[in-house]
Amino acid sequence: MELLNTWWVWIVLGAGLAVLEVLVPGFIFLGFAIAAVVMAVIVGIGAQLGAAMAVLVFAILALLAWLGLRAKFGTGEKDVKVWRDDINKN
């Protein structure tokens, strides 16, 4: 696919995923958006990737971005308050 070797396609995909992340919060699409922007840089500097290789590199970058976001911001499980006692008990 020739479109996967066009840098602006990756920018549009990254921007679309970033907008989708704002609408659906929770770091679901942010890793994909970061990976798409990095792919735009890779394709923009002149790397000619086939369709399968471009998708593979995008998937690896998305995984790395997700792991980086998880390491930086955590899972959020620490913020959950667990109540052990019933406040209505006398």
N, C-alpha and C. Protein backbone atom coordinates (compact mmCIF):
# COMPACT_ATOMS: atom_id res chain seq x y z
N MET A 1 0.84 -1.18 0.00
CA MET A 1 0.00 0.00 0.00
C MET A 1 0.89 1.24 0.00
N GLU A 2 0.64 2.07 -0.93
CA GLU A 2 1.43 3.29 -1.06
C GLU A 2 1.11 4.31 0.02
N LEU A 3 -0.09 4.29 0.54
CA LEU A 3 -0.47 5.26 1.57
C LEU A 3 0.31 5.09 2.86
N LEU A 4 0.76 3.87 3.16
CA LEU A 4 1.50 3.65 4.39
C LEU A 4 2.91 4.24 4.32
N ASN A 5 3.37 4.62 3.14
CA ASN A 5 4.67 5.26 2.98
C ASN A 5 4.53 6.76 2.79
N THR A 6 3.40 7.32 3.17
CA THR A 6 3.16 8.76 3.10
C THR A 6 3.08 9.29 4.53
N TRP A 7 3.92 10.26 4.84
CA TRP A 7 4.04 10.73 6.22
C TRP A 7 2.76 11.39 6.72
N TRP A 8 2.06 12.13 5.86
CA TRP A 8 0.89 12.86 6.33
C TRP A 8 -0.26 11.93 6.68
N VAL A 9 -0.29 10.74 6.10
CA VAL A 9 -1.33 9.77 6.46
C VAL A 9 -1.17 9.35 7.93
N TRP A 10 0.08 9.16 8.34
CA TRP A 10 0.35 8.79 9.72
C TRP A 10 0.03 9.94 10.67
N ILE A 11 0.28 11.18 10.25
CA ILE A 11 -0.06 12.35 11.07
C ILE A 11 -1.58 12.44 11.25
N VAL A 12 -2.32 12.25 10.18
CA VAL A 12 -3.79 12.31 10.26
C VAL A 12 -4.30 11.19 11.16
N LEU A 13 -3.72 10.00 11.03
CA LEU A 13 -4.12 8.89 11.89
C LEU A 13 -3.81 9.19 13.35
N GLY A 14 -2.63 9.75 13.62
CA GLY A 14 -2.26 10.11 14.98
C GLY A 14 -3.18 11.18 15.56
N ALA A 15 -3.51 12.18 14.76
CA ALA A 15 -4.41 13.24 15.23
C ALA A 15 -5.81 12.68 15.50
N GLY A 16 -6.29 11.82 14.63
CA GLY A 16 -7.59 11.20 14.82
C GLY A 16 -7.64 10.35 16.08
N LEU A 17 -6.57 9.59 16.32
CA LEU A 17 -6.52 8.78 17.53
C LEU A 17 -6.39 9.63 18.78
N ALA A 18 -5.68 10.77 18.68
CA ALA A 18 -5.58 11.68 19.83
C ALA A 18 -6.94 12.29 20.16
N VAL A 19 -7.70 12.65 19.15
CA VAL A 19 -9.05 13.17 19.38
C VAL A 19 -9.93 12.09 20.00
N LEU A 20 -9.79 10.87 19.50
CA LEU A 20 -10.56 9.76 20.05
C LEU A 20 -10.18 9.50 21.51
N GLU A 21 -8.91 9.71 21.85
CA GLU A 21 -8.48 9.55 23.25
C GLU A 21 -9.14 10.58 24.15
N VAL A 22 -9.33 11.79 23.65
CA VAL A 22 -10.00 12.82 24.44
C VAL A 22 -11.46 12.43 24.68
N LEU A 23 -12.08 11.83 23.69
CA LEU A 23 -13.48 11.44 23.82
C LEU A 23 -13.65 10.19 24.67
N VAL A 24 -12.66 9.29 24.65
CA VAL A 24 -12.72 8.05 25.42
C VAL A 24 -11.47 8.00 26.30
N PRO A 25 -11.50 8.63 27.47
CA PRO A 25 -10.28 8.72 28.29
C PRO A 25 -9.86 7.37 28.87
N GLY A 26 -8.61 7.30 29.26
CA GLY A 26 -8.12 6.10 29.90
C GLY A 26 -6.88 5.53 29.26
N PHE A 27 -6.16 6.30 28.50
CA PHE A 27 -4.94 5.87 27.81
C PHE A 27 -5.19 4.68 26.89
N ILE A 28 -6.35 4.61 26.28
CA ILE A 28 -6.65 3.51 25.37
C ILE A 28 -6.04 3.78 24.00
N PHE A 29 -6.26 4.96 23.48
CA PHE A 29 -5.80 5.29 22.13
C PHE A 29 -4.54 6.15 22.10
N LEU A 30 -4.08 6.61 23.25
CA LEU A 30 -2.93 7.51 23.28
C LEU A 30 -1.65 6.82 22.81
N GLY A 31 -1.46 5.58 23.19
CA GLY A 31 -0.29 4.83 22.72
C GLY A 31 -0.29 4.67 21.21
N PHE A 32 -1.46 4.41 20.64
CA PHE A 32 -1.56 4.29 19.19
C PHE A 32 -1.30 5.64 18.51
N ALA A 33 -1.77 6.72 19.12
CA ALA A 33 -1.54 8.05 18.55
C ALA A 33 -0.06 8.40 18.57
N ILE A 34 0.61 8.10 19.66
CA ILE A 34 2.05 8.36 19.75
C ILE A 34 2.79 7.52 18.71
N ALA A 35 2.42 6.26 18.57
CA ALA A 35 3.06 5.39 17.59
C ALA A 35 2.84 5.90 16.16
N ALA A 36 1.67 6.42 15.87
CA ALA A 36 1.39 6.94 14.53
C ALA A 36 2.25 8.16 14.23
N VAL A 37 2.45 9.03 15.21
CA VAL A 37 3.29 10.21 14.99
C VAL A 37 4.75 9.80 14.80
N VAL A 38 5.21 8.82 15.58
CA VAL A 38 6.58 8.33 15.40
C VAL A 38 6.73 7.68 14.03
N MET A 39 5.71 6.97 13.58
CA MET A 39 5.74 6.38 12.23
C MET A 39 5.81 7.47 11.17
N ALA A 40 5.14 8.59 11.41
CA ALA A 40 5.21 9.71 10.47
C ALA A 40 6.64 10.24 10.37
N VAL A 41 7.33 10.29 11.49
CA VAL A 41 8.73 10.72 11.48
C VAL A 41 9.59 9.71 10.74
N ILE A 42 9.38 8.43 11.00
CA ILE A 42 10.16 7.38 10.33
C ILE A 42 9.95 7.42 8.83
N VAL A 43 8.71 7.51 8.41
CA VAL A 43 8.41 7.56 6.97
C VAL A 43 8.87 8.89 6.39
N GLY A 44 8.77 9.95 7.17
CA GLY A 44 9.16 11.28 6.69
C GLY A 44 10.65 11.41 6.43
N ILE A 45 11.49 10.66 7.16
CA ILE A 45 12.93 10.74 6.91
C ILE A 45 13.36 9.86 5.74
N GLY A 46 12.42 9.15 5.16
CA GLY A 46 12.72 8.44 3.92
C GLY A 46 12.71 6.93 3.98
N ALA A 47 12.29 6.33 5.08
CA ALA A 47 12.24 4.87 5.16
C ALA A 47 11.11 4.34 4.26
N GLN A 48 11.46 3.45 3.37
CA GLN A 48 10.47 2.82 2.50
C GLN A 48 10.12 1.45 3.07
N LEU A 49 8.97 1.34 3.68
CA LEU A 49 8.54 0.09 4.30
C LEU A 49 7.39 -0.50 3.48
N GLY A 50 7.37 -1.81 3.42
CA GLY A 50 6.22 -2.47 2.82
C GLY A 50 5.04 -2.38 3.77
N ALA A 51 3.88 -2.79 3.29
CA ALA A 51 2.68 -2.68 4.10
C ALA A 51 2.79 -3.53 5.37
N ALA A 52 3.27 -4.77 5.24
CA ALA A 52 3.37 -5.65 6.40
C ALA A 52 4.40 -5.11 7.39
N MET A 53 5.52 -4.64 6.91
CA MET A 53 6.56 -4.11 7.80
C MET A 53 6.09 -2.83 8.48
N ALA A 54 5.37 -1.98 7.77
CA ALA A 54 4.86 -0.74 8.36
C ALA A 54 3.88 -1.05 9.50
N VAL A 55 3.01 -2.01 9.29
CA VAL A 55 2.05 -2.39 10.33
C VAL A 55 2.77 -3.02 11.52
N LEU A 56 3.80 -3.84 11.24
CA LEU A 56 4.57 -4.46 12.31
C LEU A 56 5.31 -3.41 13.14
N VAL A 57 5.97 -2.46 12.49
CA VAL A 57 6.69 -1.40 13.20
C VAL A 57 5.69 -0.55 14.00
N PHE A 58 4.55 -0.24 13.41
CA PHE A 58 3.52 0.52 14.12
C PHE A 58 3.05 -0.23 15.36
N ALA A 59 2.84 -1.52 15.26
CA ALA A 59 2.38 -2.31 16.40
C ALA A 59 3.44 -2.33 17.50
N ILE A 60 4.69 -2.48 17.13
CA ILE A 60 5.77 -2.49 18.13
C ILE A 60 5.88 -1.13 18.80
N LEU A 61 5.79 -0.06 18.01
CA LEU A 61 5.85 1.29 18.58
C LEU A 61 4.67 1.55 19.51
N ALA A 62 3.48 1.06 19.14
CA ALA A 62 2.30 1.25 19.98
C ALA A 62 2.47 0.50 21.30
N LEU A 63 3.04 -0.70 21.25
CA LEU A 63 3.28 -1.45 22.48
C LEU A 63 4.28 -0.73 23.37
N LEU A 64 5.36 -0.23 22.78
CA LEU A 64 6.36 0.50 23.55
C LEU A 64 5.78 1.79 24.15
N ALA A 65 4.95 2.48 23.38
CA ALA A 65 4.31 3.70 23.89
C ALA A 65 3.37 3.37 25.03
N TRP A 66 2.62 2.29 24.90
CA TRP A 66 1.69 1.89 25.96
C TRP A 66 2.45 1.52 27.23
N LEU A 67 3.54 0.76 27.07
CA LEU A 67 4.34 0.39 28.23
C LEU A 67 4.97 1.62 28.89
N GLY A 68 5.42 2.57 28.07
CA GLY A 68 5.97 3.80 28.62
C GLY A 68 4.94 4.62 29.37
N LEU A 69 3.74 4.73 28.82
CA LEU A 69 2.66 5.45 29.50
C LEU A 69 2.28 4.77 30.81
N ARG A 70 2.24 3.45 30.78
CA ARG A 70 1.89 2.70 31.99
C ARG A 70 2.96 2.87 33.06
N ALA A 71 4.24 2.88 32.64
CA ALA A 71 5.33 3.07 33.60
C ALA A 71 5.30 4.48 34.18
N LYS A 72 4.98 5.46 33.35
CA LYS A 72 4.98 6.85 33.79
C LYS A 72 3.78 7.18 34.68
N PHE A 73 2.59 6.76 34.25
CA PHE A 73 1.37 7.15 34.95
C PHE A 73 0.76 6.05 35.79
N GLY A 74 1.20 4.82 35.67
CA GLY A 74 0.69 3.71 36.47
C GLY A 74 -0.65 3.22 35.99
N THR A 75 -1.23 2.34 36.79
CA THR A 75 -2.50 1.74 36.42
C THR A 75 -3.69 2.42 37.06
N GLY A 76 -3.45 3.22 38.11
CA GLY A 76 -4.55 3.89 38.79
C GLY A 76 -5.20 3.04 39.85
N GLU A 77 -4.72 1.81 40.05
CA GLU A 77 -5.32 0.94 41.06
C GLU A 77 -5.05 1.44 42.47
N LYS A 78 -4.01 2.24 42.66
CA LYS A 78 -3.69 2.75 43.98
C LYS A 78 -4.73 3.76 44.46
N ASP A 79 -5.49 4.35 43.55
CA ASP A 79 -6.43 5.40 43.89
C ASP A 79 -7.77 4.87 44.38
N VAL A 80 -7.98 3.58 44.30
CA VAL A 80 -9.27 3.00 44.68
C VAL A 80 -9.31 2.82 46.19
N LYS A 81 -10.38 3.31 46.79
CA LYS A 81 -10.57 3.17 48.24
C LYS A 81 -11.44 1.95 48.50
N VAL A 82 -10.93 1.04 49.30
CA VAL A 82 -11.67 -0.17 49.66
C VAL A 82 -12.18 0.01 51.09
N TRP A 83 -13.48 -0.10 51.25
CA TRP A 83 -14.08 0.04 52.57
C TRP A 83 -14.19 -1.34 53.21
N ARG A 84 -13.61 -1.49 54.38
CA ARG A 84 -13.64 -2.77 55.11
C ARG A 84 -14.78 -2.82 56.13
N ASP A 85 -15.19 -1.67 56.61
CA ASP A 85 -16.25 -1.62 57.62
C ASP A 85 -17.47 -0.90 57.08
N ASP A 86 -18.60 -1.31 57.57
CA ASP A 86 -19.84 -0.67 57.21
C ASP A 86 -20.04 0.56 58.09
N ILE A 87 -20.25 1.72 57.49
CA ILE A 87 -20.39 2.94 58.26
C ILE A 87 -21.72 2.98 59.01
N ASN A 88 -22.66 2.14 58.69
CA ASN A 88 -23.97 2.13 59.33
C ASN A 88 -24.02 1.20 60.53
N LYS A 89 -22.94 0.42 60.76
CA LYS A 89 -22.92 -0.47 61.93
C LYS A 89 -22.74 0.34 63.20
N ASN A 90 -23.42 -0.06 64.24
CA ASN A 90 -23.28 0.61 65.54
C ASN A 90 -22.38 -0.17 66.44
